[in-house]
Amino acid sequence: MNDSVALLYPIPFPERSRDEHPYSYDPIVVWQQGSRANGTIYSDRLLMWDWNRYNELSKKHFGDESHYWHDRQPQKIQSFLRDWCHDPELILTRISEHCNQASGFPVWCFDYISFKESK
């Protein structure tokens, strides 16, 4: 097979683990319940959208203003997101940890189902 044909086929890339690539690792599913979602929020966006509200809700649900979510419980995260989204029926379906490729800092992704009607 010549080189130009070989490039048409996908090249499998090995997973980039947090241990081997601490500043550029692949996403890690931390918790999952169900597989559907109709919304997603990234933890770093919360701070950009409203720093003061983030801190207020973070203190209410977690007792601190930390930007790290690695030791936060799914039920508490769901409660936080319900308040953040003004959606008391919101259901958290997955938490995944990602690595911000530009900064190397961890970022958490929250997938959820919202029953709130969009206006």
Protein backbone atom coordinates (compact mmCIF):
# COMPACT_ATOMS: atom_id res chain seq x y z
CA MET A 1 0.00 0.00 0.00
CA ASN A 2 1.43 3.40 -0.90
CA ASP A 3 1.71 6.25 1.62
CA SER A 4 -1.16 8.34 0.21
CA VAL A 5 -3.63 5.45 0.61
CA ALA A 6 -2.46 4.71 4.13
CA LEU A 7 -3.32 8.28 5.22
CA LEU A 8 -6.98 7.74 4.33
CA TYR A 9 -7.41 5.27 7.16
CA PRO A 10 -7.83 6.49 10.73
CA ILE A 11 -4.78 6.20 12.91
CA PRO A 12 -5.62 4.92 16.40
CA PHE A 13 -4.29 7.26 19.06
CA PRO A 14 -3.46 5.89 22.48
CA GLU A 15 -5.43 7.30 25.40
CA ARG A 16 -3.73 10.15 27.19
CA SER A 17 -3.97 9.36 30.89
CA ARG A 18 -3.85 11.98 33.63
CA ASP A 19 -0.80 10.27 35.12
CA GLU A 20 1.20 10.22 31.89
CA HIS A 21 -0.07 13.55 30.50
CA PRO A 22 -1.05 15.73 33.48
CA TYR A 23 -1.55 18.87 31.35
CA SER A 24 -3.20 17.38 28.25
CA TYR A 25 -5.10 14.24 29.25
CA ASP A 26 -8.24 12.82 27.62
CA PRO A 27 -11.66 13.31 29.22
CA ILE A 28 -12.49 11.03 32.15
CA VAL A 29 -16.07 10.09 33.02
CA VAL A 30 -16.23 10.53 36.79
CA TRP A 31 -19.89 9.65 37.30
CA GLN A 32 -22.77 8.68 35.04
CA GLN A 33 -26.41 7.80 35.50
CA GLY A 34 -28.27 7.35 32.24
CA SER A 35 -27.07 8.25 28.79
CA ARG A 36 -29.35 11.00 27.57
CA ALA A 37 -28.87 14.73 28.04
CA ASN A 38 -30.27 17.87 26.50
CA GLY A 39 -27.90 20.32 28.15
CA THR A 40 -24.25 20.71 29.09
CA ILE A 41 -22.39 23.18 31.29
CA TYR A 42 -18.61 23.41 31.70
CA SER A 43 -17.36 24.46 35.14
CA ASP A 44 -15.08 27.22 33.81
CA ARG A 45 -18.01 28.89 32.00
CA LEU A 46 -19.92 29.28 35.28
CA LEU A 47 -17.27 31.67 36.56
CA MET A 48 -17.20 33.61 33.31
CA TRP A 49 -20.98 33.98 33.25
CA ASP A 50 -21.39 35.23 36.82
CA TRP A 51 -18.50 35.12 39.29
CA ASN A 52 -20.52 36.37 42.29
CA ARG A 53 -23.42 34.00 41.71
CA TYR A 54 -20.99 31.10 41.33
CA ASN A 55 -19.41 31.91 44.69
CA GLU A 56 -22.79 32.36 46.39
CA LEU A 57 -24.17 29.03 45.13
CA SER A 58 -20.87 27.27 45.73
CA LYS A 59 -20.89 28.34 49.39
CA LYS A 60 -24.54 27.30 49.72
CA HIS A 61 -24.08 23.80 48.27
CA PHE A 62 -20.45 22.94 49.04
CA GLY A 63 -19.43 25.26 51.88
CA ASP A 64 -16.60 26.87 49.92
CA GLU A 65 -15.80 28.85 46.76
CA SER A 66 -13.41 26.31 45.26
CA HIS A 67 -13.05 26.04 41.49
CA TYR A 68 -12.18 22.35 41.74
CA TRP A 69 -15.00 19.83 41.51
CA HIS A 70 -13.05 16.56 41.95
CA ASP A 71 -14.38 15.79 45.44
CA ARG A 72 -17.92 17.13 45.09
CA GLN A 73 -20.82 14.70 45.28
CA PRO A 74 -23.19 14.27 42.29
CA GLN A 75 -26.30 15.04 44.39
CA LYS A 76 -24.80 18.32 45.56
CA ILE A 77 -23.70 19.20 42.03
CA GLN A 78 -27.22 18.49 40.80
CA SER A 79 -28.63 20.80 43.50
CA PHE A 80 -26.14 23.50 42.50
CA LEU A 81 -27.12 23.18 38.84
CA ARG A 82 -30.83 23.26 39.69
CA ASP A 83 -30.31 26.59 41.43
CA TRP A 84 -27.98 27.89 38.71
CA CYS A 85 -30.40 27.01 35.90
CA HIS A 86 -33.56 27.92 37.87
CA ASP A 87 -34.78 24.42 37.10
CA PRO A 88 -35.88 22.40 40.17
CA GLU A 89 -36.52 19.29 38.02
CA LEU A 90 -33.08 19.21 36.35
CA ILE A 91 -31.46 15.75 36.41
CA LEU A 92 -27.68 15.40 36.30
CA THR A 93 -26.72 12.51 34.01
CA ARG A 94 -22.92 12.67 33.73
CA ILE A 95 -19.87 14.35 35.20
CA SER A 96 -16.65 14.23 33.23
CA GLU A 97 -13.27 15.78 33.92
CA HIS A 98 -11.43 17.37 31.01
CA CYS A 99 -8.11 19.12 30.69
CA ASN A 100 -8.03 22.65 29.33
CA GLN A 101 -5.40 22.20 26.61
CA ALA A 102 -4.42 25.88 26.74
CA SER A 103 -3.82 26.11 30.49
CA GLY A 104 -3.48 22.50 31.68
CA PHE A 105 -6.08 23.10 34.38
CA PRO A 106 -8.90 20.61 34.94
CA VAL A 107 -12.40 21.52 33.77
CA TRP A 108 -15.54 19.57 34.62
CA CYS A 109 -18.39 18.97 32.22
CA PHE A 110 -21.92 18.47 33.55
CA ASP A 111 -24.48 16.85 31.25
CA TYR A 112 -28.09 17.06 32.34
CA ILE A 113 -31.71 16.70 31.35
CA SER A 114 -33.83 19.81 31.71
CA PHE A 115 -37.61 19.73 31.64
CA LYS A 116 -37.86 23.49 31.61
CA GLU A 117 -39.54 24.88 28.52
CA SER A 118 -37.30 27.15 26.47
CA LYS A 119 -38.73 30.57 25.74
